[in-house]
Amino acid sequence: MIHKSCHVTQVKHSNEFPEKRPQLFTELTRYEPGDILRANCSTPPSRPRAELRFTINNMPLINVEYD
């Protein structure tokens, strides 16, 4: 006896955008060249997950240390 079966999977994509914009908090309001910038950026939940990228003077930040 041969059994044949078929399985169908349906994928549902959903986009849920955050109700609020990201919030950026810094220790200081003004920085001078050579100062260390410590900041926190928080976003509300979203689907797909938000991808955050940081730039200073339009230059991407790379090799950033996280504490």
PDB file of N, CA and C in Angstrom:
ATOM      1  N   MET A   1       0.846  -1.165   0.000  1.00  0.00           N
ATOM      2  CA  MET A   1       0.000   0.000   0.000  1.00  0.00           C
ATOM      3  C   MET A   1       0.900   1.240   0.000  1.00  0.00           C
ATOM      4  N   ILE A   2       0.619   2.187  -0.852  1.00  0.00           N
ATOM      5  CA  ILE A   2       1.382   3.426  -0.952  1.00  0.00           C
ATOM      6  C   ILE A   2       0.519   4.562  -0.439  1.00  0.00           C
ATOM      7  N   HIS A   3       1.100   5.363   0.460  1.00  0.00           N
ATOM      8  CA  HIS A   3       0.389   6.528   0.993  1.00  0.00           C
ATOM      9  C   HIS A   3       1.003   7.781   0.397  1.00  0.00           C
ATOM     10  N   LYS A   4       0.166   8.613  -0.096  1.00  0.00           N
ATOM     11  CA  LYS A   4       0.637   9.900  -0.599  1.00  0.00           C
ATOM     12  C   LYS A   4       0.026  10.987   0.267  1.00  0.00           C
ATOM     13  N   SER A   5       0.821  11.976   0.554  1.00  0.00           N
ATOM     14  CA  SER A   5       0.285  13.087   1.342  1.00  0.00           C
ATOM     15  C   SER A   5       0.833  14.388   0.787  1.00  0.00           C
ATOM     16  N   CYS A   6       0.113  15.414   1.048  1.00  0.00           N
ATOM     17  CA  CYS A   6       0.508  16.740   0.592  1.00  0.00           C
ATOM     18  C   CYS A   6       0.330  17.693   1.759  1.00  0.00           C
ATOM     19  N   HIS A   7       1.314  18.537   1.960  1.00  0.00           N
ATOM     20  CA  HIS A   7       1.244  19.505   3.052  1.00  0.00           C
ATOM     21  C   HIS A   7       1.399  20.895   2.461  1.00  0.00           C
ATOM     22  N   VAL A   8       0.477  21.764   2.763  1.00  0.00           N
ATOM     23  CA  VAL A   8       0.519  23.130   2.247  1.00  0.00           C
ATOM     24  C   VAL A   8       0.744  24.070   3.418  1.00  0.00           C
ATOM     25  N   THR A   9       1.699  24.952   3.261  1.00  0.00           N
ATOM     26  CA  THR A   9       1.986  25.948   4.280  1.00  0.00           C
ATOM     27  C   THR A   9       1.751  27.320   3.694  1.00  0.00           C
ATOM     28  N   GLN A  10       1.051  28.129   4.440  1.00  0.00           N
ATOM     29  CA  GLN A  10       0.801  29.494   3.998  1.00  0.00           C
ATOM     30  C   GLN A  10       1.592  30.437   4.895  1.00  0.00           C
ATOM     31  N   VAL A  11       2.314  31.338   4.277  1.00  0.00           N
ATOM     32  CA  VAL A  11       3.109  32.306   5.015  1.00  0.00           C
ATOM     33  C   VAL A  11       2.398  33.646   4.966  1.00  0.00           C
ATOM     34  N   LYS A  12       2.214  34.221   6.127  1.00  0.00           N
ATOM     35  CA  LYS A  12       1.568  35.530   6.211  1.00  0.00           C
ATOM     36  C   LYS A  12       2.615  36.553   6.632  1.00  0.00           C
ATOM     37  N   HIS A  13       2.777  37.562   5.815  1.00  0.00           N
ATOM     38  CA  HIS A  13       3.698  38.643   6.144  1.00  0.00           C
ATOM     39  C   HIS A  13       2.894  39.781   6.750  1.00  0.00           C
ATOM     40  N   SER A  14       3.380  40.293   7.850  1.00  0.00           N
ATOM     41  CA  SER A  14       2.676  41.417   8.454  1.00  0.00           C
ATOM     42  C   SER A  14       3.677  42.496   8.807  1.00  0.00           C
ATOM     43  N   ASN A  15       3.282  43.703   8.581  1.00  0.00           N
ATOM     44  CA  ASN A  15       4.101  44.855   8.944  1.00  0.00           C
ATOM     45  C   ASN A  15       3.374  45.630  10.021  1.00  0.00           C
ATOM     46  N   GLU A  16       4.023  45.793  11.137  1.00  0.00           N
ATOM     47  CA  GLU A  16       3.477  46.596  12.223  1.00  0.00           C
ATOM     48  C   GLU A  16       4.470  47.705  12.503  1.00  0.00           C
ATOM     49  N   PHE A  17       4.110  48.905  12.120  1.00  0.00           N
ATOM     50  CA  PHE A  17       5.008  50.032  12.299  1.00  0.00           C
ATOM     51  C   PHE A  17       4.857  50.606  13.698  1.00  0.00           C
ATOM     52  N   PRO A  18       5.949  51.096  14.276  1.00  0.00           N
ATOM     53  CA  PRO A  18       5.865  51.670  15.619  1.00  0.00           C
ATOM     54  C   PRO A  18       4.964  52.900  15.633  1.00  0.00           C
ATOM     55  N   GLU A  19       4.304  53.095  16.764  1.00  0.00           N
ATOM     56  CA  GLU A  19       3.425  54.255  16.903  1.00  0.00           C
ATOM     57  C   GLU A  19       4.219  55.539  17.110  1.00  0.00           C
ATOM     58  N   LYS A  20       5.435  55.423  17.639  1.00  0.00           N
ATOM     59  CA  LYS A  20       6.261  56.602  17.909  1.00  0.00           C
ATOM     60  C   LYS A  20       7.596  56.471  17.195  1.00  0.00           C
ATOM     61  N   ARG A  21       8.265  57.604  17.018  1.00  0.00           N
ATOM     62  CA  ARG A  21       9.584  57.629  16.401  1.00  0.00           C
ATOM     63  C   ARG A  21      10.640  57.165  17.412  1.00  0.00           C
ATOM     64  N   PRO A  22      11.817  56.756  16.926  1.00  0.00           N
ATOM     65  CA  PRO A  22      12.897  56.412  17.862  1.00  0.00           C
ATOM     66  C   PRO A  22      13.252  57.603  18.742  1.00  0.00           C
ATOM     67  N   GLN A  23      13.696  57.328  19.952  1.00  0.00           N
ATOM     68  CA  GLN A  23      14.112  58.384  20.877  1.00  0.00           C
ATOM     69  C   GLN A  23      15.600  58.237  21.141  1.00  0.00           C
ATOM     70  N   LEU A  24      16.333  59.342  21.014  1.00  0.00           N
ATOM     71  CA  LEU A  24      17.770  59.355  21.234  1.00  0.00           C
ATOM     72  C   LEU A  24      18.076  60.198  22.455  1.00  0.00           C
ATOM     73  N   PHE A  25      18.786  59.598  23.416  1.00  0.00           N
ATOM     74  CA  PHE A  25      19.167  60.292  24.635  1.00  0.00           C
ATOM     75  C   PHE A  25      20.690  60.357  24.692  1.00  0.00           C
ATOM     76  N   THR A  26      21.225  61.543  24.991  1.00  0.00           N
ATOM     77  CA  THR A  26      22.671  61.726  25.116  1.00  0.00           C
ATOM     78  C   THR A  26      22.986  62.365  26.461  1.00  0.00           C
ATOM     79  N   GLU A  27      24.239  62.207  26.904  1.00  0.00           N
ATOM     80  CA  GLU A  27      24.653  62.813  28.171  1.00  0.00           C
ATOM     81  C   GLU A  27      24.718  64.332  28.060  1.00  0.00           C
ATOM     82  N   LEU A  28      25.190  64.832  26.933  1.00  0.00           N
ATOM     83  CA  LEU A  28      25.357  66.273  26.732  1.00  0.00           C
ATOM     84  C   LEU A  28      24.507  66.734  25.557  1.00  0.00           C
ATOM     85  N   THR A  29      24.295  68.040  25.472  1.00  0.00           N
ATOM     86  CA  THR A  29      23.567  68.579  24.321  1.00  0.00           C
ATOM     87  C   THR A  29      24.514  69.113  23.257  1.00  0.00           C
ATOM     88  N   ARG A  30      25.769  69.327  23.625  1.00  0.00           N
ATOM     89  CA  ARG A  30      26.762  69.831  22.676  1.00  0.00           C
ATOM     90  C   ARG A  30      28.082  69.101  22.909  1.00  0.00           C
ATOM     91  N   TYR A  31      28.745  68.758  21.821  1.00  0.00           N
ATOM     92  CA  TYR A  31      30.012  68.036  21.888  1.00  0.00           C
ATOM     93  C   TYR A  31      31.076  68.775  21.093  1.00  0.00           C
ATOM     94  N   GLU A  32      32.303  68.665  21.565  1.00  0.00           N
ATOM     95  CA  GLU A  32      33.461  69.247  20.882  1.00  0.00           C
ATOM     96  C   GLU A  32      34.274  68.105  20.267  1.00  0.00           C
ATOM     97  N   PRO A  33      35.086  68.391  19.240  1.00  0.00           N
ATOM     98  CA  PRO A  33      35.933  67.332  18.669  1.00  0.00           C
ATOM     99  C   PRO A  33      36.767  66.666  19.763  1.00  0.00           C
ATOM    100  N   GLY A  34      36.784  65.340  19.745  1.00  0.00           N
ATOM    101  CA  GLY A  34      37.526  64.573  20.745  1.00  0.00           C
ATOM    102  C   GLY A  34      36.685  64.133  21.926  1.00  0.00           C
ATOM    103  N   ASP A  35      35.497  64.727  22.121  1.00  0.00           N
ATOM    104  CA  ASP A  35      34.608  64.302  23.203  1.00  0.00           C
ATOM    105  C   ASP A  35      34.101  62.890  22.936  1.00  0.00           C
ATOM    106  N   ILE A  36      33.800  62.174  24.002  1.00  0.00           N
ATOM    107  CA  ILE A  36      33.205  60.847  23.887  1.00  0.00           C
ATOM    108  C   ILE A  36      31.693  60.995  23.950  1.00  0.00           C
ATOM    109  N   LEU A  37      31.027  60.447  22.959  1.00  0.00           N
ATOM    110  CA  LEU A  37      29.568  60.494  22.890  1.00  0.00           C
ATOM    111  C   LEU A  37      29.011  59.199  23.464  1.00  0.00           C
ATOM    112  N   ARG A  38      28.203  59.333  24.500  1.00  0.00           N
ATOM    113  CA  ARG A  38      27.479  58.189  25.054  1.00  0.00           C
ATOM    114  C   ARG A  38      26.005  58.476  24.837  1.00  0.00           C
ATOM    115  N   ALA A  39      25.338  57.525  24.198  1.00  0.00           N
ATOM    116  CA  ALA A  39      23.942  57.757  23.845  1.00  0.00           C
ATOM    117  C   ALA A  39      23.161  56.456  23.936  1.00  0.00           C
ATOM    118  N   ASN A  40      21.851  56.601  24.001  1.00  0.00           N
ATOM    119  CA  ASN A  40      20.942  55.471  23.986  1.00  0.00           C
ATOM    120  C   ASN A  40      19.844  55.787  22.993  1.00  0.00           C
ATOM    121  N   CYS A  41      19.589  54.856  22.087  1.00  0.00           N
ATOM    122  CA  CYS A  41      18.492  55.016  21.138  1.00  0.00           C
ATOM    123  C   CYS A  41      17.496  53.897  21.392  1.00  0.00           C
ATOM    124  N   SER A  42      16.242  54.256  21.601  1.00  0.00           N
ATOM    125  CA  SER A  42      15.198  53.276  21.879  1.00  0.00           C
ATOM    126  C   SER A  42      14.084  53.415  20.861  1.00  0.00           C
ATOM    127  N   THR A  43      13.567  52.264  20.435  1.00  0.00           N
ATOM    128  CA  THR A  43      12.441  52.261  19.505  1.00  0.00           C
ATOM    129  C   THR A  43      11.331  51.396  20.077  1.00  0.00           C
ATOM    130  N   PRO A  44      10.092  51.762  19.797  1.00  0.00           N
ATOM    131  CA  PRO A  44       8.985  50.895  20.200  1.00  0.00           C
ATOM    132  C   PRO A  44       9.017  49.605  19.367  1.00  0.00           C
ATOM    133  N   PRO A  45       8.303  48.575  19.793  1.00  0.00           N
ATOM    134  CA  PRO A  45       8.272  47.328  19.028  1.00  0.00           C
ATOM    135  C   PRO A  45       7.745  47.547  17.612  1.00  0.00           C
ATOM    136  N   SER A  46       8.275  46.772  16.667  1.00  0.00           N
ATOM    137  CA  SER A  46       7.798  46.829  15.281  1.00  0.00           C
ATOM    138  C   SER A  46       8.053  45.480  14.623  1.00  0.00           C
ATOM    139  N   ARG A  47       7.336  45.231  13.530  1.00  0.00           N
ATOM    140  CA  ARG A  47       7.543  44.037  12.708  1.00  0.00           C
ATOM    141  C   ARG A  47       7.610  44.481  11.269  1.00  0.00           C
ATOM    142  N   PRO A  48       8.668  44.203  10.553  1.00  0.00           N
ATOM    143  CA  PRO A  48       9.870  43.540  11.029  1.00  0.00           C
ATOM    144  C   PRO A  48      10.633  44.418  12.007  1.00  0.00           C
ATOM    145  N   ARG A  49      11.563  43.812  12.706  1.00  0.00           N
ATOM    146  CA  ARG A  49      12.347  44.523  13.710  1.00  0.00           C
ATOM    147  C   ARG A  49      13.089  45.696  13.063  1.00  0.00           C
ATOM    148  N   ALA A  50      13.116  46.802  13.757  1.00  0.00           N
ATOM    149  CA  ALA A  50      13.797  47.994  13.243  1.00  0.00           C
ATOM    150  C   ALA A  50      15.299  47.763  13.190  1.00  0.00           C
ATOM    151  N   GLU A  51      15.919  48.291  12.160  1.00  0.00           N
ATOM    152  CA  GLU A  51      17.376  48.250  12.035  1.00  0.00           C
ATOM    153  C   GLU A  51      17.875  49.674  12.199  1.00  0.00           C
ATOM    154  N   LEU A  52      18.672  49.900  13.220  1.00  0.00           N
ATOM    155  CA  LEU A  52      19.167  51.243  13.510  1.00  0.00           C
ATOM    156  C   LEU A  52      20.585  51.400  12.988  1.00  0.00           C
ATOM    157  N   ARG A  53      20.819  52.527  12.343  1.00  0.00           N
ATOM    158  CA  ARG A  53      22.159  52.866  11.854  1.00  0.00           C
ATOM    159  C   ARG A  53      22.488  54.257  12.354  1.00  0.00           C
ATOM    160  N   PHE A  54      23.732  54.450  12.742  1.00  0.00           N
ATOM    161  CA  PHE A  54      24.146  55.731  13.302  1.00  0.00           C
ATOM    162  C   PHE A  54      25.201  56.378  12.421  1.00  0.00           C
ATOM    163  N   THR A  55      25.067  57.691  12.265  1.00  0.00           N
ATOM    164  CA  THR A  55      26.057  58.474  11.529  1.00  0.00           C
ATOM    165  C   THR A  55      26.351  59.745  12.316  1.00  0.00           C
ATOM    166  N   ILE A  56      27.543  60.262  12.145  1.00  0.00           N
ATOM    167  CA  ILE A  56      27.903  61.584  12.661  1.00  0.00           C
ATOM    168  C   ILE A  56      28.443  62.365  11.476  1.00  0.00           C
ATOM    169  N   ASN A  57      27.840  63.507  11.199  1.00  0.00           N
ATOM    170  CA  ASN A  57      28.205  64.312  10.030  1.00  0.00           C
ATOM    171  C   ASN A  57      28.158  63.472   8.756  1.00  0.00           C
ATOM    172  N   ASN A  58      27.095  62.683   8.620  1.00  0.00           N
ATOM    173  CA  ASN A  58      26.852  61.812   7.458  1.00  0.00           C
ATOM    174  C   ASN A  58      27.899  60.718   7.273  1.00  0.00           C
ATOM    175  N   MET A  59      28.673  60.418   8.292  1.00  0.00           N
ATOM    176  CA  MET A  59      29.655  59.331   8.221  1.00  0.00           C
ATOM    177  C   MET A  59      29.173  58.191   9.112  1.00  0.00           C
ATOM    178  N   PRO A  60      29.043  56.957   8.546  1.00  0.00           N
ATOM    179  CA  PRO A  60      28.574  55.833   9.356  1.00  0.00           C
ATOM    180  C   PRO A  60      29.548  55.506  10.482  1.00  0.00           C
ATOM    181  N   LEU A  61      28.988  55.135  11.621  1.00  0.00           N
ATOM    182  CA  LEU A  61      29.808  54.710  12.760  1.00  0.00           C
ATOM    183  C   LEU A  61      30.094  53.221  12.619  1.00  0.00           C
ATOM    184  N   ILE A  62      31.371  52.857  12.690  1.00  0.00           N
ATOM    185  CA  ILE A  62      31.765  51.451  12.623  1.00  0.00           C
ATOM    186  C   ILE A  62      32.726  51.173  13.769  1.00  0.00           C
ATOM    187  N   ASN A  63      32.841  49.900  14.117  1.00  0.00           N
ATOM    188  CA  ASN A  63      33.725  49.481  15.218  1.00  0.00           C
ATOM    189  C   ASN A  63      33.425  50.247  16.504  1.00  0.00           C
ATOM    190  N   VAL A  64      32.155  50.315  16.840  1.00  0.00           N
ATOM    191  CA  VAL A  64      31.722  51.032  18.036  1.00  0.00           C
ATOM    192  C   VAL A  64      31.734  50.073  19.213  1.00  0.00           C
ATOM    193  N   GLU A  65      32.252  50.515  20.351  1.00  0.00           N
ATOM    194  CA  GLU A  65      32.250  49.700  21.567  1.00  0.00           C
ATOM    195  C   GLU A  65      30.958  49.931  22.331  1.00  0.00           C
ATOM    196  N   TYR A  66      30.360  48.849  22.810  1.00  0.00           N
ATOM    197  CA  TYR A  66      29.142  48.930  23.604  1.00  0.00           C
ATOM    198  C   TYR A  66      29.473  48.511  25.023  1.00  0.00           C
ATOM    199  N   ASP A  67      29.016  49.277  25.989  1.00  0.00           N
ATOM    200  CA  ASP A  67      29.223  48.919  27.395  1.00  0.00           C
ATOM    201  C   ASP A  67      28.031  48.155  27.906  1.00  0.00           C
TER     202      ASP A  67
END
